[in-house]
Amino acid sequence: MKTFEINKTYEMRFANNTDQATPVKVVSRNGKTLKLELNGKIIVKKVKVFFDEEICQPLGNYSMAPQIMAGKLC
């Protein structure tokens, strides 16, 4: 299974504009939560598993929410 790694930067993509890639850095992790750095702010979000890969939605869970996937590094 692909998992998020500490001090790696991942691409966050929006459903309505896939050309826009926002970098999100994983600061730390424990069990099922990630501490992320997004636009200079630190946020804590839960991790989900989808098709043998960890995913996270840094801006919340809504219909067109952007997500980061453990297999997509910047």
C-alpha atoms as a PDB file:
ATOM      1  CA  MET A   1       0.000   0.000   0.000  1.00  0.00           C
ATOM      2  CA  LYS A   2       1.229   3.498  -0.840  1.00  0.00           C
ATOM      3  CA  THR A   3       1.453   5.694   2.264  1.00  0.00           C
ATOM      4  CA  PHE A   4       2.222   9.352   2.956  1.00  0.00           C
ATOM      5  CA  GLU A   5       5.795  10.069   4.027  1.00  0.00           C
ATOM      6  CA  ILE A   6       7.025  12.809   6.349  1.00  0.00           C
ATOM      7  CA  ASN A   7       8.748  15.850   4.725  1.00  0.00           C
ATOM      8  CA  LYS A   8       7.496  14.964   1.235  1.00  0.00           C
ATOM      9  CA  THR A   9       5.461  17.382  -0.906  1.00  0.00           C
ATOM     10  CA  TYR A  10       2.360  16.172  -2.738  1.00  0.00           C
ATOM     11  CA  GLU A  11       0.192  17.724  -5.470  1.00  0.00           C
ATOM     12  CA  MET A  12      -3.337  18.824  -4.588  1.00  0.00           C
ATOM     13  CA  ARG A  13      -5.563  19.083  -7.659  1.00  0.00           C
ATOM     14  CA  PHE A  14      -8.995  20.655  -8.020  1.00  0.00           C
ATOM     15  CA  ALA A  15     -11.800  18.883  -9.940  1.00  0.00           C
ATOM     16  CA  ASN A  16     -12.779  21.996 -11.906  1.00  0.00           C
ATOM     17  CA  ASN A  17      -9.190  22.985 -12.831  1.00  0.00           C
ATOM     18  CA  THR A  18      -6.809  20.053 -13.148  1.00  0.00           C
ATOM     19  CA  ASP A  19      -4.021  22.286 -14.498  1.00  0.00           C
ATOM     20  CA  GLN A  20      -3.721  24.004 -11.125  1.00  0.00           C
ATOM     21  CA  ALA A  21      -1.520  21.953  -8.787  1.00  0.00           C
ATOM     22  CA  THR A  22      -1.087  23.256  -5.242  1.00  0.00           C
ATOM     23  CA  PRO A  23       1.823  21.821  -3.208  1.00  0.00           C
ATOM     24  CA  VAL A  24       1.001  20.333   0.207  1.00  0.00           C
ATOM     25  CA  LYS A  25       3.817  19.221   2.537  1.00  0.00           C
ATOM     26  CA  VAL A  26       3.402  16.464   5.138  1.00  0.00           C
ATOM     27  CA  VAL A  27       4.942  17.792   8.364  1.00  0.00           C
ATOM     28  CA  SER A  28       4.179  14.776  10.572  1.00  0.00           C
ATOM     29  CA  ARG A  29       1.831  11.835  10.870  1.00  0.00           C
ATOM     30  CA  ASN A  30       0.498   9.351  13.395  1.00  0.00           C
ATOM     31  CA  GLY A  31      -1.831   6.437  12.769  1.00  0.00           C
ATOM     32  CA  LYS A  32      -4.767   7.936  10.890  1.00  0.00           C
ATOM     33  CA  THR A  33      -3.978  11.687  10.891  1.00  0.00           C
ATOM     34  CA  LEU A  34      -1.633  13.946   8.956  1.00  0.00           C
ATOM     35  CA  LYS A  35      -0.251  17.321   9.928  1.00  0.00           C
ATOM     36  CA  LEU A  36      -0.015  19.278   6.663  1.00  0.00           C
ATOM     37  CA  GLU A  37       1.523  22.599   5.645  1.00  0.00           C
ATOM     38  CA  LEU A  38      -0.708  24.364   3.111  1.00  0.00           C
ATOM     39  CA  ASN A  39      -0.020  27.982   2.096  1.00  0.00           C
ATOM     40  CA  GLY A  40       2.082  28.550   5.210  1.00  0.00           C
ATOM     41  CA  LYS A  41      -0.593  27.242   7.604  1.00  0.00           C
ATOM     42  CA  ILE A  42      -0.510  23.974   9.535  1.00  0.00           C
ATOM     43  CA  ILE A  43      -3.678  21.842   9.444  1.00  0.00           C
ATOM     44  CA  VAL A  44      -4.519  18.364  10.771  1.00  0.00           C
ATOM     45  CA  LYS A  45      -6.620  16.013   8.614  1.00  0.00           C
ATOM     46  CA  LYS A  46      -7.651  12.356   8.621  1.00  0.00           C
ATOM     47  CA  VAL A  47      -6.288   9.792   6.179  1.00  0.00           C
ATOM     48  CA  LYS A  48      -8.512   7.461   4.139  1.00  0.00           C
ATOM     49  CA  VAL A  49      -7.571   4.382   2.102  1.00  0.00           C
ATOM     50  CA  PHE A  50      -8.814   4.167  -1.485  1.00  0.00           C
ATOM     51  CA  PHE A  51      -7.754   1.327  -3.830  1.00  0.00           C
ATOM     52  CA  ASP A  52      -4.658   0.417  -1.778  1.00  0.00           C
ATOM     53  CA  GLU A  53      -3.468   4.045  -1.584  1.00  0.00           C
ATOM     54  CA  GLU A  54      -3.816   6.656   1.144  1.00  0.00           C
ATOM     55  CA  ILE A  55      -5.716   9.837   0.285  1.00  0.00           C
ATOM     56  CA  CYS A  56      -6.498  13.017   2.205  1.00  0.00           C
ATOM     57  CA  GLN A  57      -8.798  15.995   1.586  1.00  0.00           C
ATOM     58  CA  PRO A  58      -6.964  19.033   3.042  1.00  0.00           C
ATOM     59  CA  LEU A  59      -9.794  21.533   2.463  1.00  0.00           C
ATOM     60  CA  GLY A  60     -12.641  19.371   3.785  1.00  0.00           C
ATOM     61  CA  ASN A  61     -15.066  16.755   2.517  1.00  0.00           C
ATOM     62  CA  TYR A  62     -17.506  18.075  -0.096  1.00  0.00           C
ATOM     63  CA  SER A  63     -18.541  17.070  -3.609  1.00  0.00           C
ATOM     64  CA  MET A  64     -15.660  18.668  -5.547  1.00  0.00           C
ATOM     65  CA  ALA A  65     -13.083  18.791  -2.756  1.00  0.00           C
ATOM     66  CA  PRO A  66      -9.444  18.629  -3.845  1.00  0.00           C
ATOM     67  CA  GLN A  67      -7.402  15.735  -2.554  1.00  0.00           C
ATOM     68  CA  ILE A  68      -3.848  14.548  -2.252  1.00  0.00           C
ATOM     69  CA  MET A  69      -2.831  10.980  -3.012  1.00  0.00           C
ATOM     70  CA  ALA A  70       0.191   9.146  -1.618  1.00  0.00           C
ATOM     71  CA  GLY A  71       1.371   8.188  -5.120  1.00  0.00           C
ATOM     72  CA  LYS A  72       1.469  11.728  -6.551  1.00  0.00           C
ATOM     73  CA  LEU A  73       4.563  13.627  -5.446  1.00  0.00           C
ATOM     74  CA  CYS A  74       5.442  17.107  -6.746  1.00  0.00           C
END
